[in-house]
Amino acid sequence: MKWRVLIGCFLSYMFDALDILVLIISLPAIKETMQISTTEAGFMVTATLLGIGVSSLVMGGLADTLGRRKALLLSLATFGVLTIAIAGVTDWKQLLVLRFLAGLGLGGVWGTVAAQVNEAWPPHQRARATAFVLSSFSIGSGLAAVLAACLLKTYGWRVLFVISGALVVIPIIYVWLRVPESTVWLAERKVSRDLLAPRNSVTIKSLFAADLLRKTLLGTTASALALTAYWGAMTWLPTILVQEHGLEPSTMAGFIAVMNVGTFIGYNLFGWLADRIGKRRMIIISLIGCGLMLPIYTFATDKTALLLLGPAFAFFIAFVGLFGSYFAELYPTHLRASGAGFCFNVGRGISAFAPLLLGSVAVSVGFSISIGFCGALFLLAAAVISLLPQDVDLHWAYQNPKGVSPTSESI
């Protein structure tokens, strides 16, 4: 069962990434055809990330109440349909609304897959399994870059959105036919019914109970800092490569695809190491690496240096994959999807303003300088993570190398 869960969650998050990156890669073309400013273009990414942030208040609760599988299918269907609908917009404000609504579905995927993978895999393999699933973001990003390189110049960005939305049927079919409901979630629900204390609903208030308050606040703060830096940088990197370095859109898409090779390798290597020396420790190393490499990359001027430094910076973005397994372990089963999703997606919601702010600042100082400041935010995020607990299952995993699972509430 764990392999079917792994494949289903991998595919789901891969197409989640494809949908997000298609907009970012298409921004230069959308700006040109709709005759909008850089600030207005930034609003589109902001709307997407705001929708993702709001989704954590809804989809996480659905995953903990109705089940992981149903919530995942609902999330996929939501953003797939709304992405296709973007092809019919007549002005940028309509696109803005549809991106916000699509974000509601996009945000539901992360917390659900993080919870489901953590519940399907034993503790001593959990970080690498979750990191592998979330490394699919780099595959989806690379696929978006390849599709853009093949279609954007000839057929335009509207066709790109139609194809991206239609492809979501692939994970929907696989999850529907092959991925079962989480046995840990089902067992927890059964125990609740047997004790005559069913948890019919999950409230956000539960995440701020005395024993979880510190974890929720610090986890959300770390996510907000790290993801503000990430989205602030990644939203405008394609524009930087085109406007400040003179790359053709098809060449820019190739540079982005190469960067995602570094991301994929980093996710999986960091995940493998996290199962051995600790998730929190590897998250801190990842964030420090991003903080140091981002300014070096953005201030490079030679195209060869940009091509080589891009994957080097992207290698350290592995913290996103490690957040999944680490945050999920901080919460008990009945709050796992809600808690992990809240920390990550509220952080993404806060980061929604990064593209807008950086776009506005870039008008005065240029994109390279404004994005260089994001490196400091990565370093601040590393400091916040250091205040959170050590890995919940690290000591247990060393003492139980064969992965005989503890009670579901300690997973």
Foldseek 3Di string as FASTA:
>chain_A
DLVLLLVLLLLLLLLLLLLLLLLLLQLVVCCVVQVDALLLSLLQLLLLLLLLLVLLQPLLFCCLQVFLLVSSLVLLLFLLVLLLVLLPDDHSVVSSVSSNRNSSSSNNSQLSSLLQSLLSDFLLQRLLSLLLSNLSSLVSNLVSLVCCLVDPVPPNSSVSSNVSSVVSVVSSVSSVPPNDTRPLSVVVQVVCVVVVRGDNTDHPVVCCPPLRNLVLVLLQLLLLLLLLLVCLCSSCQLVCCCPVQPDDSSVSSVLSSLLSVLLSQLSNVLSNVCSPPHLLVSLLVLLLQLLVLLLVQLPDHDPVSNSVSSSSNSSSVNNSSSLSNQQLQSFFSSCRSSRSSNSNSNSSSSSSCSSSVLSVVCVPVHNSVSSNVSSVSSNVSSVSSVPDDTGLCNVVCVVPVVRPHDRRRND
